[in-house]
Structure formats: structure tokens, C-alpha cells
Amino acid sequence: MTSNVKPLPAVSEAPGWIDLVKRKVDALRFGSVQIVIHEGRVTTVEATEKTRLPVLGAVAGATDSH
């Protein structure tokens, strides 16, 4: 029986996309980083940033009691 599990590369041999992922994560306060793999190869690293808006007084939890 053969295994498809590949050992992780040594830190000094790590592919460039790992540094890219680290930079994108470090640059985000809220959001996500997605790694796209095609045929066993990382092809795209996508970052989506979320901007949280402050809650304004009565608008946030207002309920209409009519």
C-alpha cells in the first residue's frame, strides 16, 4: 500500500507561498485568507478583509414597540 502523504519541507526549504500567506494574515484585523490548490499545487492565495463599522446608539438594538 502506498501513501500519498508528503513530508513537510524544512523551514529553510518552505515554498514562497507560505511567506505570502503569513504576510496576508499579519495584514488583516478581521477577514480570511484562502489558499486555492489545483492539481496538488498552490495556485492562488486570496485575502478578504472585513471592515467592522461602529454601532450607532439607538439604531443598533432598536425595537419598534407600536
N, C-alpha and C. Protein backbone atom coordinates (compact mmCIF):
# COMPACT_ATOMS: atom_id res chain seq x y z
N MET A 1 0.85 -1.18 0.00
CA MET A 1 0.00 0.00 0.00
C MET A 1 0.89 1.24 0.00
N THR A 2 0.63 2.17 -0.90
CA THR A 2 1.43 3.39 -0.96
C THR A 2 0.68 4.53 -0.29
N SER A 3 1.44 5.47 0.22
CA SER A 3 0.86 6.62 0.91
C SER A 3 1.03 7.87 0.06
N ASN A 4 0.00 8.70 0.02
CA ASN A 4 0.06 9.97 -0.70
C ASN A 4 0.50 11.11 0.20
N VAL A 5 0.81 10.82 1.45
CA VAL A 5 1.21 11.85 2.40
C VAL A 5 2.66 12.23 2.13
N LYS A 6 2.87 13.53 1.90
CA LYS A 6 4.22 14.03 1.66
C LYS A 6 4.72 14.70 2.92
N PRO A 7 5.98 14.48 3.29
CA PRO A 7 6.50 15.16 4.49
C PRO A 7 6.59 16.66 4.25
N LEU A 8 6.41 17.43 5.31
CA LEU A 8 6.51 18.88 5.20
C LEU A 8 7.96 19.27 4.93
N PRO A 9 8.18 20.29 4.12
CA PRO A 9 9.56 20.72 3.86
C PRO A 9 10.16 21.38 5.08
N ALA A 10 11.48 21.36 5.19
CA ALA A 10 12.16 22.06 6.27
C ALA A 10 11.86 23.54 6.13
N VAL A 11 11.93 24.28 7.23
CA VAL A 11 11.60 25.71 7.20
C VAL A 11 12.41 26.44 6.15
N SER A 12 13.69 26.12 6.02
CA SER A 12 14.53 26.82 5.04
C SER A 12 14.15 26.46 3.61
N GLU A 13 13.43 25.35 3.42
CA GLU A 13 13.02 24.90 2.09
C GLU A 13 11.56 25.20 1.80
N ALA A 14 10.89 25.92 2.71
CA ALA A 14 9.46 26.18 2.57
C ALA A 14 9.19 26.98 1.30
N PRO A 15 8.12 26.63 0.58
CA PRO A 15 7.77 27.36 -0.64
C PRO A 15 7.42 28.82 -0.34
N GLY A 16 7.58 29.68 -1.34
CA GLY A 16 7.32 31.11 -1.19
C GLY A 16 5.90 31.45 -0.80
N TRP A 17 4.94 30.61 -1.13
CA TRP A 17 3.55 30.94 -0.82
C TRP A 17 3.29 30.97 0.68
N ILE A 18 4.11 30.26 1.45
CA ILE A 18 3.92 30.27 2.91
C ILE A 18 4.20 31.67 3.45
N ASP A 19 5.26 32.31 2.97
CA ASP A 19 5.55 33.68 3.39
C ASP A 19 4.44 34.62 2.96
N LEU A 20 3.90 34.41 1.77
CA LEU A 20 2.80 35.23 1.28
C LEU A 20 1.59 35.11 2.19
N VAL A 21 1.25 33.89 2.60
CA VAL A 21 0.12 33.66 3.50
C VAL A 21 0.37 34.36 4.84
N LYS A 22 1.58 34.25 5.37
CA LYS A 22 1.90 34.90 6.64
C LYS A 22 1.74 36.41 6.54
N ARG A 23 2.21 37.01 5.44
CA ARG A 23 2.08 38.46 5.27
C ARG A 23 0.62 38.88 5.18
N LYS A 24 -0.19 38.09 4.46
CA LYS A 24 -1.61 38.43 4.33
C LYS A 24 -2.33 38.32 5.67
N VAL A 25 -2.01 37.29 6.44
CA VAL A 25 -2.62 37.12 7.76
C VAL A 25 -2.21 38.27 8.68
N ASP A 26 -0.94 38.62 8.66
CA ASP A 26 -0.45 39.72 9.51
C ASP A 26 -1.10 41.05 9.16
N ALA A 27 -1.48 41.24 7.90
CA ALA A 27 -2.06 42.50 7.45
C ALA A 27 -3.55 42.63 7.77
N LEU A 28 -4.19 41.54 8.19
CA LEU A 28 -5.63 41.55 8.45
C LEU A 28 -5.94 41.74 9.93
N ARG A 29 -6.99 42.51 10.19
CA ARG A 29 -7.52 42.57 11.55
C ARG A 29 -8.75 41.67 11.64
N PHE A 30 -9.63 41.79 10.64
CA PHE A 30 -10.80 40.93 10.51
C PHE A 30 -10.85 40.45 9.07
N GLY A 31 -11.05 39.18 8.83
CA GLY A 31 -11.15 38.70 7.46
C GLY A 31 -10.71 37.25 7.35
N SER A 32 -10.35 36.87 6.13
CA SER A 32 -9.95 35.48 5.90
C SER A 32 -8.90 35.42 4.80
N VAL A 33 -8.10 34.37 4.86
CA VAL A 33 -7.12 34.08 3.82
C VAL A 33 -7.44 32.70 3.30
N GLN A 34 -7.60 32.58 1.98
CA GLN A 34 -7.96 31.31 1.36
C GLN A 34 -6.83 30.88 0.43
N ILE A 35 -6.46 29.61 0.55
CA ILE A 35 -5.42 29.03 -0.30
C ILE A 35 -6.11 28.12 -1.31
N VAL A 36 -5.89 28.37 -2.60
CA VAL A 36 -6.50 27.58 -3.66
C VAL A 36 -5.44 26.62 -4.22
N ILE A 37 -5.80 25.35 -4.28
CA ILE A 37 -4.89 24.31 -4.75
C ILE A 37 -5.45 23.69 -6.02
N HIS A 38 -4.60 23.54 -7.02
CA HIS A 38 -5.00 22.92 -8.29
C HIS A 38 -3.96 21.88 -8.64
N GLU A 39 -4.41 20.65 -8.78
CA GLU A 39 -3.53 19.52 -9.10
C GLU A 39 -2.35 19.41 -8.15
N GLY A 40 -2.64 19.56 -6.84
CA GLY A 40 -1.62 19.39 -5.81
C GLY A 40 -0.67 20.55 -5.64
N ARG A 41 -0.95 21.68 -6.30
CA ARG A 41 -0.08 22.85 -6.26
C ARG A 41 -0.86 24.07 -5.81
N VAL A 42 -0.28 24.89 -4.95
CA VAL A 42 -0.94 26.14 -4.56
C VAL A 42 -0.88 27.07 -5.76
N THR A 43 -2.05 27.51 -6.21
CA THR A 43 -2.11 28.39 -7.38
C THR A 43 -2.53 29.81 -7.05
N THR A 44 -3.29 29.98 -5.97
CA THR A 44 -3.80 31.30 -5.61
C THR A 44 -3.88 31.44 -4.11
N VAL A 45 -3.54 32.63 -3.62
CA VAL A 45 -3.74 32.98 -2.22
C VAL A 45 -4.61 34.23 -2.22
N GLU A 46 -5.80 34.11 -1.63
CA GLU A 46 -6.76 35.22 -1.64
C GLU A 46 -6.97 35.73 -0.22
N ALA A 47 -7.03 37.05 -0.06
CA ALA A 47 -7.32 37.64 1.24
C ALA A 47 -8.58 38.50 1.11
N THR A 48 -9.48 38.34 2.05
CA THR A 48 -10.70 39.13 2.10
C THR A 48 -10.72 39.86 3.43
N GLU A 49 -10.75 41.17 3.37
CA GLU A 49 -10.75 41.97 4.60
C GLU A 49 -12.15 42.44 4.91
N LYS A 50 -12.53 42.34 6.16
CA LYS A 50 -13.83 42.81 6.63
C LYS A 50 -13.60 44.11 7.39
N THR A 51 -14.47 45.07 7.18
CA THR A 51 -14.40 46.31 7.92
C THR A 51 -15.60 46.37 8.86
N ARG A 52 -15.32 46.42 10.13
CA ARG A 52 -16.40 46.48 11.12
C ARG A 52 -16.75 47.93 11.40
N LEU A 53 -18.01 48.25 11.24
CA LEU A 53 -18.48 49.60 11.48
C LEU A 53 -18.94 49.73 12.93
N PRO A 54 -18.74 50.90 13.54
CA PRO A 54 -19.19 51.08 14.93
C PRO A 54 -20.71 51.08 15.01
N VAL A 55 -21.22 50.60 16.11
CA VAL A 55 -22.66 50.58 16.34
C VAL A 55 -23.08 51.98 16.78
N LEU A 56 -24.13 52.50 16.16
CA LEU A 56 -24.60 53.85 16.49
C LEU A 56 -25.82 53.77 17.39
N GLY A 57 -25.71 54.33 18.57
CA GLY A 57 -26.77 54.48 19.58
C GLY A 57 -28.01 53.63 19.42
N ALA A 58 -29.15 54.29 19.19
CA ALA A 58 -30.45 53.63 19.16
C ALA A 58 -30.64 52.74 17.94
N VAL A 59 -29.88 52.92 16.91
CA VAL A 59 -30.07 52.14 15.69
C VAL A 59 -29.73 50.68 15.91
N ALA A 60 -28.75 50.36 16.75
CA ALA A 60 -28.26 49.01 16.90
C ALA A 60 -29.30 48.04 17.46
N GLY A 61 -29.87 48.36 18.62
CA GLY A 61 -30.78 47.41 19.23
C GLY A 61 -32.19 47.91 19.28
N ALA A 62 -32.55 48.82 18.44
CA ALA A 62 -33.87 49.43 18.47
C ALA A 62 -34.96 48.43 18.09
N THR A 63 -36.01 48.42 18.87
CA THR A 63 -37.20 47.62 18.54
C THR A 63 -38.39 48.56 18.52
N ASP A 64 -39.25 48.36 17.58
CA ASP A 64 -40.44 49.20 17.44
C ASP A 64 -41.52 48.65 18.36
N SER A 65 -41.95 49.44 19.35
CA SER A 65 -42.94 48.95 20.33
C SER A 65 -44.33 49.53 20.06
N HIS A 66 -44.72 49.70 18.83
CA HIS A 66 -46.06 50.22 18.50
C HIS A 66 -47.09 49.18 18.61
